[in-house]
Amino acid sequence: MRFAGTLIDGGDGSLHALDGKTIEGNIVVLDIRARTYWENVFRLGGKAVIFRGNEAANRKDTLTVHILA
């Protein structure tokens, strides 16, 4: 499967973080702690989500995203 689009920094994936950004048709990079906010990307027409980790991320954050996605 191939995706093409502009990479958009979506922060935590909240509607506030996505406001004013062109999500439709693009690939959105979200913080691993986005929880269920990743669903907003698809509601706004995004093609894909890439999760990025950070120093504060822990195993629970990773498992939560893996199980929900």
PDB file of N, CA and C in Angstrom:
ATOM      1  N   MET A   1       0.836  -1.164   0.000  1.00  0.00           N
ATOM      2  CA  MET A   1       0.000   0.000   0.000  1.00  0.00           C
ATOM      3  C   MET A   1       0.891   1.240   0.000  1.00  0.00           C
ATOM      4  N   ARG A   2       0.543   2.213  -0.835  1.00  0.00           N
ATOM      5  CA  ARG A   2       1.322   3.440  -0.934  1.00  0.00           C
ATOM      6  C   ARG A   2       0.436   4.636  -0.623  1.00  0.00           C
ATOM      7  N   PHE A   3       1.005   5.575   0.087  1.00  0.00           N
ATOM      8  CA  PHE A   3       0.312   6.824   0.391  1.00  0.00           C
ATOM      9  C   PHE A   3       1.159   7.973  -0.114  1.00  0.00           C
ATOM     10  N   ALA A   4       0.506   8.973  -0.617  1.00  0.00           N
ATOM     11  CA  ALA A   4       1.213  10.181  -1.027  1.00  0.00           C
ATOM     12  C   ALA A   4       0.456  11.376  -0.474  1.00  0.00           C
ATOM     13  N   GLY A   5       1.184  12.346  -0.037  1.00  0.00           N
ATOM     14  CA  GLY A   5       0.579  13.555   0.503  1.00  0.00           C
ATOM     15  C   GLY A   5       1.622  14.325   1.276  1.00  0.00           C
ATOM     16  N   THR A   6       1.275  15.501   1.667  1.00  0.00           N
ATOM     17  CA  THR A   6       2.152  16.341   2.465  1.00  0.00           C
ATOM     18  C   THR A   6       2.117  15.878   3.915  1.00  0.00           C
ATOM     19  N   LEU A   7       3.267  15.862   4.572  1.00  0.00           N
ATOM     20  CA  LEU A   7       3.316  15.549   5.998  1.00  0.00           C
ATOM     21  C   LEU A   7       2.907  16.791   6.776  1.00  0.00           C
ATOM     22  N   ILE A   8       1.916  16.632   7.642  1.00  0.00           N
ATOM     23  CA  ILE A   8       1.389  17.723   8.447  1.00  0.00           C
ATOM     24  C   ILE A   8       1.634  17.402   9.912  1.00  0.00           C
ATOM     25  N   ASP A   9       2.183  18.338  10.660  1.00  0.00           N
ATOM     26  CA  ASP A   9       2.363  18.153  12.104  1.00  0.00           C
ATOM     27  C   ASP A   9       1.030  18.421  12.781  1.00  0.00           C
ATOM     28  N   GLY A  10       0.432  17.360  13.335  1.00  0.00           N
ATOM     29  CA  GLY A  10      -0.870  17.470  13.976  1.00  0.00           C
ATOM     30  C   GLY A  10      -0.819  17.548  15.485  1.00  0.00           C
ATOM     31  N   GLY A  11       0.380  17.711  16.049  1.00  0.00           N
ATOM     32  CA  GLY A  11       0.499  17.831  17.507  1.00  0.00           C
ATOM     33  C   GLY A  11      -0.116  16.642  18.223  1.00  0.00           C
ATOM     34  N   ASP A  12      -1.060  16.927  19.123  1.00  0.00           N
ATOM     35  CA  ASP A  12      -1.697  15.849  19.882  1.00  0.00           C
ATOM     36  C   ASP A  12      -2.947  15.302  19.191  1.00  0.00           C
ATOM     37  N   GLY A  13      -3.285  15.845  18.021  1.00  0.00           N
ATOM     38  CA  GLY A  13      -4.432  15.348  17.263  1.00  0.00           C
ATOM     39  C   GLY A  13      -5.770  15.929  17.669  1.00  0.00           C
ATOM     40  N   SER A  14      -5.771  16.788  18.679  1.00  0.00           N
ATOM     41  CA  SER A  14      -7.035  17.414  19.090  1.00  0.00           C
ATOM     42  C   SER A  14      -7.525  18.333  17.978  1.00  0.00           C
ATOM     43  N   LEU A  15      -8.808  18.639  17.973  1.00  0.00           N
ATOM     44  CA  LEU A  15      -9.347  19.534  16.960  1.00  0.00           C
ATOM     45  C   LEU A  15      -8.671  20.894  17.037  1.00  0.00           C
ATOM     46  N   HIS A  16      -8.328  21.328  18.237  1.00  0.00           N
ATOM     47  CA  HIS A  16      -7.617  22.598  18.420  1.00  0.00           C
ATOM     48  C   HIS A  16      -6.256  22.547  17.723  1.00  0.00           C
ATOM     49  N   ALA A  17      -5.534  21.444  17.879  1.00  0.00           N
ATOM     50  CA  ALA A  17      -4.210  21.303  17.264  1.00  0.00           C
ATOM     51  C   ALA A  17      -4.291  21.211  15.739  1.00  0.00           C
ATOM     52  N   LEU A  18      -5.389  20.674  15.225  1.00  0.00           N
ATOM     53  CA  LEU A  18      -5.551  20.497  13.783  1.00  0.00           C
ATOM     54  C   LEU A  18      -6.180  21.706  13.100  1.00  0.00           C
ATOM     55  N   ASP A  19      -6.739  22.611  13.884  1.00  0.00           N
ATOM     56  CA  ASP A  19      -7.436  23.782  13.348  1.00  0.00           C
ATOM     57  C   ASP A  19      -6.508  24.619  12.457  1.00  0.00           C
ATOM     58  N   GLY A  20      -6.985  24.954  11.270  1.00  0.00           N
ATOM     59  CA  GLY A  20      -6.229  25.789  10.358  1.00  0.00           C
ATOM     60  C   GLY A  20      -5.213  25.045   9.496  1.00  0.00           C
ATOM     61  N   LYS A  21      -5.118  23.736   9.669  1.00  0.00           N
ATOM     62  CA  LYS A  21      -4.175  22.934   8.893  1.00  0.00           C
ATOM     63  C   LYS A  21      -4.937  22.162   7.819  1.00  0.00           C
ATOM     64  N   THR A  22      -4.302  21.939   6.695  1.00  0.00           N
ATOM     65  CA  THR A  22      -4.935  21.202   5.600  1.00  0.00           C
ATOM     66  C   THR A  22      -4.740  19.714   5.843  1.00  0.00           C
ATOM     67  N   ILE A  23      -5.743  19.085   6.432  1.00  0.00           N
ATOM     68  CA  ILE A  23      -5.678  17.667   6.783  1.00  0.00           C
ATOM     69  C   ILE A  23      -6.126  16.799   5.616  1.00  0.00           C
ATOM     70  N   GLU A  24      -7.178  17.220   4.936  1.00  0.00           N
ATOM     71  CA  GLU A  24      -7.756  16.409   3.862  1.00  0.00           C
ATOM     72  C   GLU A  24      -6.720  16.063   2.802  1.00  0.00           C
ATOM     73  N   GLY A  25      -6.588  14.761   2.536  1.00  0.00           N
ATOM     74  CA  GLY A  25      -5.699  14.265   1.509  1.00  0.00           C
ATOM     75  C   GLY A  25      -4.234  14.179   1.912  1.00  0.00           C
ATOM     76  N   ASN A  26      -3.924  14.484   3.163  1.00  0.00           N
ATOM     77  CA  ASN A  26      -2.535  14.491   3.602  1.00  0.00           C
ATOM     78  C   ASN A  26      -2.260  13.460   4.694  1.00  0.00           C
ATOM     79  N   ILE A  27      -0.990  13.327   5.035  1.00  0.00           N
ATOM     80  CA  ILE A  27      -0.526  12.396   6.064  1.00  0.00           C
ATOM     81  C   ILE A  27      -0.174  13.212   7.294  1.00  0.00           C
ATOM     82  N   VAL A  28      -0.737  12.837   8.425  1.00  0.00           N
ATOM     83  CA  VAL A  28      -0.582  13.645   9.638  1.00  0.00           C
ATOM     84  C   VAL A  28       0.305  12.921  10.654  1.00  0.00           C
ATOM     85  N   VAL A  29       1.292  13.646  11.152  1.00  0.00           N
ATOM     86  CA  VAL A  29       2.198  13.122  12.175  1.00  0.00           C
ATOM     87  C   VAL A  29       1.671  13.574  13.530  1.00  0.00           C
ATOM     88  N   LEU A  30       1.415  12.595  14.418  1.00  0.00           N
ATOM     89  CA  LEU A  30       0.866  12.894  15.737  1.00  0.00           C
ATOM     90  C   LEU A  30       1.803  12.408  16.837  1.00  0.00           C
ATOM     91  N   ASP A  31       1.739  13.086  17.956  1.00  0.00           N
ATOM     92  CA  ASP A  31       2.457  12.657  19.145  1.00  0.00           C
ATOM     93  C   ASP A  31       1.894  11.313  19.605  1.00  0.00           C
ATOM     94  N   ILE A  32       2.736  10.461  20.118  1.00  0.00           N
ATOM     95  CA  ILE A  32       2.311   9.129  20.576  1.00  0.00           C
ATOM     96  C   ILE A  32       1.238   9.213  21.662  1.00  0.00           C
ATOM     97  N   ARG A  33       1.174  10.326  22.371  1.00  0.00           N
ATOM     98  CA  ARG A  33       0.178  10.496  23.436  1.00  0.00           C
ATOM     99  C   ARG A  33      -1.154  11.032  22.918  1.00  0.00           C
ATOM    100  N   ALA A  34      -1.406  10.909  21.628  1.00  0.00           N
ATOM    101  CA  ALA A  34      -2.629  11.425  21.013  1.00  0.00           C
ATOM    102  C   ALA A  34      -3.881  10.683  21.488  1.00  0.00           C
ATOM    103  N   ARG A  35      -3.688   9.519  22.096  1.00  0.00           N
ATOM    104  CA  ARG A  35      -4.829   8.700  22.551  1.00  0.00           C
ATOM    105  C   ARG A  35      -5.792   8.478  21.389  1.00  0.00           C
ATOM    106  N   THR A  36      -7.070   8.763  21.569  1.00  0.00           N
ATOM    107  CA  THR A  36      -8.053   8.518  20.507  1.00  0.00           C
ATOM    108  C   THR A  36      -8.224   9.703  19.568  1.00  0.00           C
ATOM    109  N   TYR A  37      -7.463  10.781  19.782  1.00  0.00           N
ATOM    110  CA  TYR A  37      -7.569  11.944  18.897  1.00  0.00           C
ATOM    111  C   TYR A  37      -7.157  11.627  17.467  1.00  0.00           C
ATOM    112  N   TRP A  38      -6.413  10.535  17.242  1.00  0.00           N
ATOM    113  CA  TRP A  38      -6.013  10.181  15.875  1.00  0.00           C
ATOM    114  C   TRP A  38      -7.227  10.014  14.974  1.00  0.00           C
ATOM    115  N   GLU A  39      -8.377   9.686  15.551  1.00  0.00           N
ATOM    116  CA  GLU A  39      -9.595   9.520  14.760  1.00  0.00           C
ATOM    117  C   GLU A  39     -10.003  10.828  14.086  1.00  0.00           C
ATOM    118  N   ASN A  40      -9.661  11.966  14.701  1.00  0.00           N
ATOM    119  CA  ASN A  40      -9.985  13.270  14.108  1.00  0.00           C
ATOM    120  C   ASN A  40      -9.356  13.430  12.728  1.00  0.00           C
ATOM    121  N   VAL A  41      -8.175  12.881  12.551  1.00  0.00           N
ATOM    122  CA  VAL A  41      -7.483  12.988  11.261  1.00  0.00           C
ATOM    123  C   VAL A  41      -8.337  12.378  10.156  1.00  0.00           C
ATOM    124  N   PHE A  42      -8.900  11.218  10.409  1.00  0.00           N
ATOM    125  CA  PHE A  42      -9.700  10.545   9.383  1.00  0.00           C
ATOM    126  C   PHE A  42     -11.055  11.212   9.216  1.00  0.00           C
ATOM    127  N   ARG A  43     -11.606  11.755  10.285  1.00  0.00           N
ATOM    128  CA  ARG A  43     -12.866  12.502  10.175  1.00  0.00           C
ATOM    129  C   ARG A  43     -12.692  13.742   9.295  1.00  0.00           C
ATOM    130  N   LEU A  44     -11.478  14.294   9.298  1.00  0.00           N
ATOM    131  CA  LEU A  44     -11.184  15.491   8.510  1.00  0.00           C
ATOM    132  C   LEU A  44     -10.607  15.162   7.137  1.00  0.00           C
ATOM    133  N   GLY A  45     -10.608  13.879   6.765  1.00  0.00           N
ATOM    134  CA  GLY A  45     -10.201  13.473   5.420  1.00  0.00           C
ATOM    135  C   GLY A  45      -8.732  13.140   5.241  1.00  0.00           C
ATOM    136  N   GLY A  46      -8.004  12.971   6.336  1.00  0.00           N
ATOM    137  CA  GLY A  46      -6.592  12.596   6.233  1.00  0.00           C
ATOM    138  C   GLY A  46      -6.433  11.197   5.670  1.00  0.00           C
ATOM    139  N   LYS A  47      -5.308  10.944   4.999  1.00  0.00           N
ATOM    140  CA  LYS A  47      -5.051   9.635   4.397  1.00  0.00           C
ATOM    141  C   LYS A  47      -4.414   8.660   5.372  1.00  0.00           C
ATOM    142  N   ALA A  48      -3.550   9.161   6.258  1.00  0.00           N
ATOM    143  CA  ALA A  48      -2.814   8.273   7.156  1.00  0.00           C
ATOM    144  C   ALA A  48      -2.302   9.057   8.353  1.00  0.00           C
ATOM    145  N   VAL A  49      -1.954   8.314   9.393  1.00  0.00           N
ATOM    146  CA  VAL A  49      -1.362   8.894  10.604  1.00  0.00           C
ATOM    147  C   VAL A  49      -0.044   8.194  10.869  1.00  0.00           C
ATOM    148  N   ILE A  50       0.958   8.969  11.190  1.00  0.00           N
ATOM    149  CA  ILE A  50       2.240   8.446  11.659  1.00  0.00           C
ATOM    150  C   ILE A  50       2.405   8.936  13.086  1.00  0.00           C
ATOM    151  N   PHE A  51       2.696   8.022  14.000  1.00  0.00           N
ATOM    152  CA  PHE A  51       2.901   8.411  15.400  1.00  0.00           C
ATOM    153  C   PHE A  51       4.386   8.601  15.661  1.00  0.00           C
ATOM    154  N   ARG A  52       4.707   9.670  16.373  1.00  0.00           N
ATOM    155  CA  ARG A  52       6.098   9.919  16.757  1.00  0.00           C
ATOM    156  C   ARG A  52       6.198   9.829  18.278  1.00  0.00           C
ATOM    157  N   GLY A  53       7.256   9.206  18.720  1.00  0.00           N
ATOM    158  CA  GLY A  53       7.494   9.090  20.152  1.00  0.00           C
ATOM    159  C   GLY A  53       8.232  10.296  20.686  1.00  0.00           C
ATOM    160  N   ASN A  54       8.357  10.344  21.988  1.00  0.00           N
ATOM    161  CA  ASN A  54       9.144  11.382  22.636  1.00  0.00           C
ATOM    162  C   ASN A  54       9.659  10.824  23.962  1.00  0.00           C
ATOM    163  N   GLU A  55      10.453  11.599  24.645  1.00  0.00           N
ATOM    164  CA  GLU A  55      11.048  11.115  25.895  1.00  0.00           C
ATOM    165  C   GLU A  55       9.999  10.798  26.965  1.00  0.00           C
ATOM    166  N   ALA A  56       8.877  11.490  26.911  1.00  0.00           N
ATOM    167  CA  ALA A  56       7.841  11.297  27.929  1.00  0.00           C
ATOM    168  C   ALA A  56       6.952  10.079  27.655  1.00  0.00           C
ATOM    169  N   ALA A  57       7.013   9.540  26.443  1.00  0.00           N
ATOM    170  CA  ALA A  57       6.167   8.392  26.098  1.00  0.00           C
ATOM    171  C   ALA A  57       6.596   7.164  26.892  1.00  0.00           C
ATOM    172  N   ASN A  58       5.613   6.364  27.238  1.00  0.00           N
ATOM    173  CA  ASN A  58       5.909   5.140  27.972  1.00  0.00           C
ATOM    174  C   ASN A  58       5.198   3.963  27.304  1.00  0.00           C
ATOM    175  N   ARG A  59       5.389   2.807  27.850  1.00  0.00           N
ATOM    176  CA  ARG A  59       4.800   1.585  27.286  1.00  0.00           C
ATOM    177  C   ARG A  59       3.281   1.675  27.195  1.00  0.00           C
ATOM    178  N   LYS A  60       2.641   2.248  28.206  1.00  0.00           N
ATOM    179  CA  LYS A  60       1.184   2.377  28.203  1.00  0.00           C
ATOM    180  C   LYS A  60       0.714   3.215  27.020  1.00  0.00           C
ATOM    181  N   ASP A  61       1.403   4.326  26.738  1.00  0.00           N
ATOM    182  CA  ASP A  61       1.038   5.166  25.596  1.00  0.00           C
ATOM    183  C   ASP A  61       1.123   4.374  24.301  1.00  0.00           C
ATOM    184  N   THR A  62       2.196   3.643  24.134  1.00  0.00           N
ATOM    185  CA  THR A  62       2.407   2.858  22.919  1.00  0.00           C
ATOM    186  C   THR A  62       1.336   1.782  22.776  1.00  0.00           C
ATOM    187  N   LEU A  63       1.033   1.083  23.846  1.00  0.00           N
ATOM    188  CA  LEU A  63       0.016   0.033  23.793  1.00  0.00           C
ATOM    189  C   LEU A  63      -1.365   0.608  23.530  1.00  0.00           C
ATOM    190  N   THR A  64      -1.663   1.748  24.115  1.00  0.00           N
ATOM    191  CA  THR A  64      -2.971   2.370  23.909  1.00  0.00           C
ATOM    192  C   THR A  64      -3.176   2.687  22.431  1.00  0.00           C
ATOM    193  N   VAL A  65      -2.196   3.287  21.801  1.00  0.00           N
ATOM    194  CA  VAL A  65      -2.311   3.611  20.373  1.00  0.00           C
ATOM    195  C   VAL A  65      -2.387   2.345  19.547  1.00  0.00           C
ATOM    196  N   HIS A  66      -1.576   1.346  19.857  1.00  0.00           N
ATOM    197  CA  HIS A  66      -1.574   0.099  19.100  1.00  0.00           C
ATOM    198  C   HIS A  66      -2.913  -0.612  19.193  1.00  0.00           C
ATOM    199  N   ILE A  67      -3.486  -0.686  20.352  1.00  0.00           N
ATOM    200  CA  ILE A  67      -4.755  -1.391  20.554  1.00  0.00           C
ATOM    201  C   ILE A  67      -5.895  -0.639  19.886  1.00  0.00           C
ATOM    202  N   LEU A  68      -5.929   0.686  20.004  1.00  0.00           N
ATOM    203  CA  LEU A  68      -7.030   1.466  19.449  1.00  0.00           C
ATOM    204  C   LEU A  68      -6.940   1.633  17.944  1.00  0.00           C
ATOM    205  N   ALA A  69      -5.733   1.685  17.424  1.00  0.00           N
ATOM    206  CA  ALA A  69      -5.571   1.874  15.976  1.00  0.00           C
ATOM    207  C   ALA A  69      -5.769   0.554  15.274  1.00  0.00           C
TER     208      ALA A  69
END
